[in-house]
Amino acid sequence: MKELSDQEWLRYNRQIVLRQFDIEGQEALKNAAVLVIGAGGLGCAAAQYLAVAGVGRLTLVDHDVVELSNLQRQVLHQDADLGRPKVDSAADSLRAANPWLEVATHAARADEALLRSLLPQHQLVLDGTDNLDSRQLVNRLCCEAGVPLISAAVIRMEGQLSVFTYGEDEPCYACLSRLMGGGVLSCVEAGVLAPMVGVMGALQALEAVKLLAHMGRSPRGKLLLVDGMTLSTRELTLPKAADCPVCSRPGGSGTPA
């Protein structure tokens, strides 16, 4: 296990003094590897806070390039990055934020082959993708590998967050998505307010830190709904679908990493 340097002790002092976190929590972050799928609004916000909190290694996966319309909410990209792969722009910003951080990038779609190769190398996955097919794929492969998944979504001024650790009696994202119906809007169609993306990405990072440091309570098997218009939250218990093709099939649930 890698130990903290004197400079890192000073850098992370405000976290280390937290009784629930302490030096063990900080060292757990330093030795952790987190896979962030999507370097858009959610991925940028989440990765930024994981980087400055002291996570040792981040892997970014995104096939897209930086466009002008991204800059309203994707905080790791700047005007000078227009046309660059998002993973390269984000990686530069993250390395500048924390010189102890290792960043690996994949400027490619998060397809099954790539994810299968990456999942065994990581303790945790954050999903910041913006389409249902990608989310379903990430969930299925995380469930098979037993790697916990933190999923978030934002539209207009509404956000949702779920943590899936694939315990025997816990639901998965497929159990949640079947409750949504087919009419899922995108940010292009419905719009999104920039701070809401930051709020939900920061919540993903918070839950990641808690899981890695084994502290607090995580909303496993829950759906956290955040309404930015009224600044209110609701937590719903997700039912585990008895016929879920992902987590209820034989061998579908893994053991959390």
Protein backbone atom coordinates (compact mmCIF):
# COMPACT_ATOMS: atom_id res chain seq x y z
CA MET A 1 0.00 0.00 0.00
CA LYS A 2 1.30 3.47 -0.92
CA GLU A 3 1.77 5.82 2.02
CA LEU A 4 1.14 9.56 2.06
CA SER A 5 4.05 11.92 1.56
CA ASP A 6 4.59 14.89 3.88
CA GLN A 7 3.20 17.19 1.20
CA GLU A 8 0.09 15.06 0.88
CA TRP A 9 -0.40 15.15 4.65
CA LEU A 10 -0.51 18.95 4.43
CA ARG A 11 -2.62 18.97 1.28
CA TYR A 12 -5.35 16.71 2.69
CA ASN A 13 -5.20 17.90 6.30
CA ARG A 14 -8.79 19.18 6.37
CA GLN A 15 -10.02 15.71 5.45
CA ILE A 16 -7.63 13.75 7.64
CA VAL A 17 -8.82 15.62 10.75
CA LEU A 18 -12.35 14.30 10.16
CA ARG A 19 -12.79 11.63 12.81
CA GLN A 20 -14.84 9.37 10.51
CA PHE A 21 -12.22 9.64 7.75
CA ASP A 22 -8.79 9.96 9.39
CA ILE A 23 -5.51 8.77 7.85
CA GLU A 24 -6.98 5.37 6.95
CA GLY A 25 -9.56 7.02 4.72
CA GLN A 26 -6.99 9.20 2.99
CA GLU A 27 -4.69 6.27 2.33
CA ALA A 28 -7.65 4.29 0.98
CA LEU A 29 -8.27 7.06 -1.54
CA LYS A 30 -4.60 7.26 -2.51
CA ASN A 31 -4.57 3.54 -3.29
CA ALA A 32 -7.91 3.52 -5.13
CA ALA A 33 -8.59 3.37 -8.86
CA VAL A 34 -11.90 4.79 -10.11
CA LEU A 35 -13.32 4.42 -13.62
CA VAL A 36 -15.25 7.49 -14.82
CA ILE A 37 -17.36 6.83 -17.90
CA GLY A 38 -18.20 10.08 -19.66
CA ALA A 39 -16.18 13.31 -19.53
CA GLY A 40 -19.21 15.56 -19.88
CA GLY A 41 -21.01 17.54 -17.20
CA LEU A 42 -21.35 14.81 -14.57
CA GLY A 43 -17.98 13.22 -15.27
CA CYS A 44 -16.17 16.56 -15.13
CA ALA A 45 -17.70 17.57 -11.81
CA ALA A 46 -17.25 14.15 -10.21
CA ALA A 47 -13.70 13.64 -11.46
CA GLN A 48 -12.67 17.11 -10.33
CA TYR A 49 -13.67 16.43 -6.74
CA LEU A 50 -12.21 12.93 -6.73
CA ALA A 51 -8.92 14.37 -7.96
CA VAL A 52 -8.63 17.09 -5.33
CA ALA A 53 -9.86 14.71 -2.59
CA GLY A 54 -6.86 12.47 -3.26
CA VAL A 55 -7.99 9.47 -5.29
CA GLY A 56 -4.80 7.92 -6.62
CA ARG A 57 -5.86 6.89 -10.12
CA LEU A 58 -8.69 7.94 -12.40
CA THR A 59 -9.48 6.40 -15.76
CA LEU A 60 -11.57 8.50 -18.14
CA VAL A 61 -13.56 7.04 -21.04
CA ASP A 62 -15.29 9.25 -23.64
CA HIS A 63 -15.29 9.19 -27.44
CA ASP A 64 -16.43 12.80 -27.92
CA VAL A 65 -14.61 16.10 -28.55
CA VAL A 66 -15.12 19.44 -26.80
CA GLU A 67 -17.77 21.65 -28.40
CA LEU A 68 -18.79 25.21 -27.60
CA SER A 69 -22.14 24.13 -26.15
CA ASN A 70 -20.29 21.93 -23.61
CA LEU A 71 -18.56 24.83 -21.86
CA GLN A 72 -21.71 25.98 -20.04
CA ARG A 73 -21.52 23.01 -17.66
CA GLN A 74 -18.46 20.81 -18.37
CA VAL A 75 -16.05 22.53 -16.02
CA LEU A 76 -12.81 20.75 -16.96
CA HIS A 77 -12.89 22.11 -20.54
CA GLN A 78 -11.99 25.62 -21.69
CA ASP A 79 -12.35 27.60 -24.94
CA ALA A 80 -8.80 26.63 -25.91
CA ASP A 81 -9.86 22.95 -25.79
CA LEU A 82 -12.50 23.20 -28.53
CA GLY A 83 -12.08 20.28 -30.91
CA ARG A 84 -9.85 18.29 -28.54
CA PRO A 85 -10.88 14.87 -27.24
CA LYS A 86 -12.75 15.42 -23.99
CA VAL A 87 -10.63 12.88 -22.14
CA ASP A 88 -7.43 14.75 -23.05
CA SER A 89 -8.82 18.13 -22.01
CA ALA A 90 -10.20 16.72 -18.76
CA ALA A 91 -6.98 14.86 -17.97
CA ASP A 92 -4.90 18.04 -18.36
CA SER A 93 -7.16 19.92 -15.95
CA LEU A 94 -7.14 17.10 -13.41
CA ARG A 95 -3.36 16.74 -13.45
CA ALA A 96 -3.05 20.48 -12.95
CA ALA A 97 -5.40 20.26 -9.95
CA ASN A 98 -3.40 17.49 -8.24
CA PRO A 99 0.15 16.51 -9.24
CA TRP A 100 -0.09 13.23 -7.30
CA LEU A 101 -2.99 12.01 -9.42
CA GLU A 102 -2.49 9.36 -12.11
CA VAL A 103 -4.88 9.74 -15.04
CA ALA A 104 -5.42 7.20 -17.82
CA THR A 105 -7.55 8.08 -20.84
CA HIS A 106 -9.46 6.21 -23.51
CA ALA A 107 -10.79 8.37 -26.34
CA ALA A 108 -13.23 5.66 -27.38
CA ARG A 109 -16.78 4.51 -26.88
CA ALA A 110 -17.40 2.59 -23.69
CA ASP A 111 -18.21 -0.62 -25.51
CA GLU A 112 -18.32 -4.09 -24.01
CA ALA A 113 -14.77 -5.06 -24.96
CA LEU A 114 -13.21 -1.92 -23.48
CA LEU A 115 -15.24 -2.10 -20.28
CA ARG A 116 -14.45 -5.77 -19.73
CA SER A 117 -10.76 -4.97 -19.98
CA LEU A 118 -10.97 -2.00 -17.58
CA LEU A 119 -13.32 -3.18 -14.84
CA PRO A 120 -10.92 -5.64 -13.14
CA GLN A 121 -8.45 -2.78 -12.65
CA HIS A 122 -10.86 -0.55 -10.70
CA GLN A 123 -12.63 -0.61 -7.34
CA LEU A 124 -15.49 1.65 -8.39
CA VAL A 125 -17.29 2.98 -11.47
CA LEU A 126 -18.99 6.35 -11.94
CA ASP A 127 -21.45 6.52 -14.83
CA GLY A 128 -21.84 9.94 -16.41
CA THR A 129 -23.17 8.81 -19.78
CA ASP A 130 -26.21 10.40 -21.36
CA ASN A 131 -28.05 7.53 -23.01
CA LEU A 132 -29.96 4.51 -21.74
CA ASP A 133 -28.16 1.88 -23.83
CA SER A 134 -24.76 2.87 -22.39
CA ARG A 135 -26.11 2.91 -18.85
CA GLN A 136 -27.61 -0.54 -19.27
CA LEU A 137 -24.34 -1.91 -20.61
CA VAL A 138 -22.29 -0.40 -17.79
CA ASN A 139 -24.72 -1.77 -15.21
CA ARG A 140 -24.70 -5.28 -16.67
CA LEU A 141 -20.92 -5.51 -16.80
CA CYS A 142 -20.48 -4.00 -13.32
CA CYS A 143 -22.96 -6.52 -11.97
CA GLU A 144 -21.11 -9.39 -13.62
CA ALA A 145 -17.76 -8.14 -12.29
CA GLY A 146 -19.09 -7.25 -8.83
CA VAL A 147 -17.73 -3.68 -9.12
CA PRO A 148 -19.91 -1.05 -7.38
CA LEU A 149 -21.55 1.53 -9.64
CA ILE A 150 -22.57 5.11 -8.82
CA SER A 151 -25.06 6.37 -11.37
CA ALA A 152 -26.43 9.89 -11.75
CA ALA A 153 -28.54 11.78 -14.26
CA VAL A 154 -29.62 15.40 -14.70
CA ILE A 155 -32.29 17.08 -16.81
CA ARG A 156 -33.63 20.63 -16.55
CA MET A 157 -33.33 21.31 -12.78
CA GLU A 158 -33.88 17.73 -11.67
CA GLY A 159 -31.30 15.15 -10.71
CA GLN A 160 -31.21 11.55 -9.57
CA LEU A 161 -28.54 9.42 -7.93
CA SER A 162 -28.27 5.72 -7.15
CA VAL A 163 -25.57 3.48 -5.70
CA PHE A 164 -25.49 -0.15 -6.81
CA THR A 165 -23.24 -2.64 -5.01
CA TYR A 166 -25.02 -5.75 -6.31
CA GLY A 167 -25.70 -7.41 -3.01
CA GLU A 168 -27.95 -10.47 -3.07
CA ASP A 169 -31.11 -8.55 -2.17
CA GLU A 170 -30.22 -5.24 -3.88
CA PRO A 171 -31.69 -3.98 -7.15
CA CYS A 172 -29.58 -2.81 -10.09
CA TYR A 173 -29.93 -0.06 -12.68
CA ALA A 174 -31.98 -2.36 -14.91
CA CYS A 175 -34.54 -2.67 -12.10
CA LEU A 176 -34.70 1.13 -12.00
CA SER A 177 -34.82 1.77 -15.74
CA ARG A 178 -37.82 -0.47 -16.28
CA LEU A 179 -39.79 1.94 -14.06
CA MET A 180 -38.93 4.95 -16.26
CA GLY A 181 -40.75 4.09 -19.47
CA GLY A 182 -39.38 4.81 -22.91
CA GLY A 183 -39.65 8.60 -23.16
CA VAL A 184 -36.28 9.66 -21.73
CA LEU A 185 -35.34 13.20 -22.78
CA SER A 186 -31.80 14.46 -23.35
CA CYS A 187 -30.23 17.77 -22.30
CA VAL A 188 -30.34 18.85 -25.95
CA GLU A 189 -34.11 18.42 -26.00
CA ALA A 190 -35.03 19.63 -22.51
CA GLY A 191 -32.09 21.77 -21.39
CA VAL A 192 -30.16 21.70 -18.12
CA LEU A 193 -29.04 24.36 -15.64
CA ALA A 194 -25.28 24.30 -15.12
CA PRO A 195 -25.19 24.18 -11.29
CA MET A 196 -27.50 21.13 -11.23
CA VAL A 197 -24.88 19.15 -13.13
CA GLY A 198 -22.28 20.24 -10.60
CA VAL A 199 -24.52 19.26 -7.69
CA MET A 200 -25.14 15.76 -8.97
CA GLY A 201 -21.53 15.19 -10.04
CA ALA A 202 -20.35 16.32 -6.61
CA LEU A 203 -22.80 13.89 -5.01
CA GLN A 204 -21.36 11.08 -7.13
CA ALA A 205 -17.88 12.01 -5.89
CA LEU A 206 -19.10 12.16 -2.28
CA GLU A 207 -20.61 8.69 -2.48
CA ALA A 208 -17.44 7.39 -4.13
CA VAL A 209 -15.28 8.73 -1.30
CA LYS A 210 -17.62 7.23 1.29
CA LEU A 211 -17.54 3.80 -0.34
CA LEU A 212 -13.77 3.80 -0.80
CA ALA A 213 -13.15 5.00 2.77
CA HIS A 214 -15.87 2.75 4.29
CA MET A 215 -17.61 5.64 6.02
CA GLY A 216 -21.17 6.83 6.44
CA ARG A 217 -24.32 5.45 4.86
CA SER A 218 -24.73 5.08 1.12
CA PRO A 219 -28.13 4.99 -0.62
CA ARG A 220 -27.69 1.40 -1.80
CA GLY A 221 -30.82 0.19 -3.50
CA LYS A 222 -32.30 3.68 -3.23
CA LEU A 223 -33.11 6.45 -5.69
CA LEU A 224 -32.24 9.95 -4.50
CA LEU A 225 -34.27 12.62 -6.30
CA VAL A 226 -33.04 16.22 -6.18
CA ASP A 227 -35.31 19.10 -7.24
CA GLY A 228 -33.23 22.20 -7.87
CA MET A 229 -36.27 24.42 -8.33
CA THR A 230 -37.46 23.88 -4.75
CA LEU A 231 -34.12 22.71 -3.31
CA SER A 232 -35.77 19.57 -1.98
CA THR A 233 -34.82 15.89 -1.98
CA ARG A 234 -36.67 12.60 -1.81
CA GLU A 235 -35.28 9.12 -1.28
CA LEU A 236 -37.20 6.19 -2.72
CA THR A 237 -36.58 2.50 -2.12
CA LEU A 238 -36.09 0.64 -5.38
CA PRO A 239 -37.71 -2.77 -5.69
CA LYS A 240 -35.53 -5.62 -6.92
CA ALA A 241 -37.29 -7.08 -9.96
CA ALA A 242 -37.70 -10.81 -9.55
CA ASP A 243 -37.38 -11.25 -13.32
CA CYS A 244 -34.54 -8.77 -13.87
CA PRO A 245 -32.30 -10.20 -16.62
CA VAL A 246 -29.23 -8.66 -14.98
CA CYS A 247 -29.29 -9.03 -11.20
CA SER A 248 -31.90 -11.75 -10.70
CA ARG A 249 -30.54 -14.32 -13.11
CA PRO A 250 -28.30 -17.10 -11.72
CA GLY A 251 -24.84 -15.67 -11.14
CA GLY A 252 -26.06 -12.15 -11.88
CA SER A 253 -25.06 -10.58 -8.58
CA GLY A 254 -21.43 -10.18 -7.81
CA THR A 255 -19.61 -9.56 -4.60
CA PRO A 256 -18.78 -5.87 -4.10
CA ALA A 257 -15.11 -5.08 -4.56
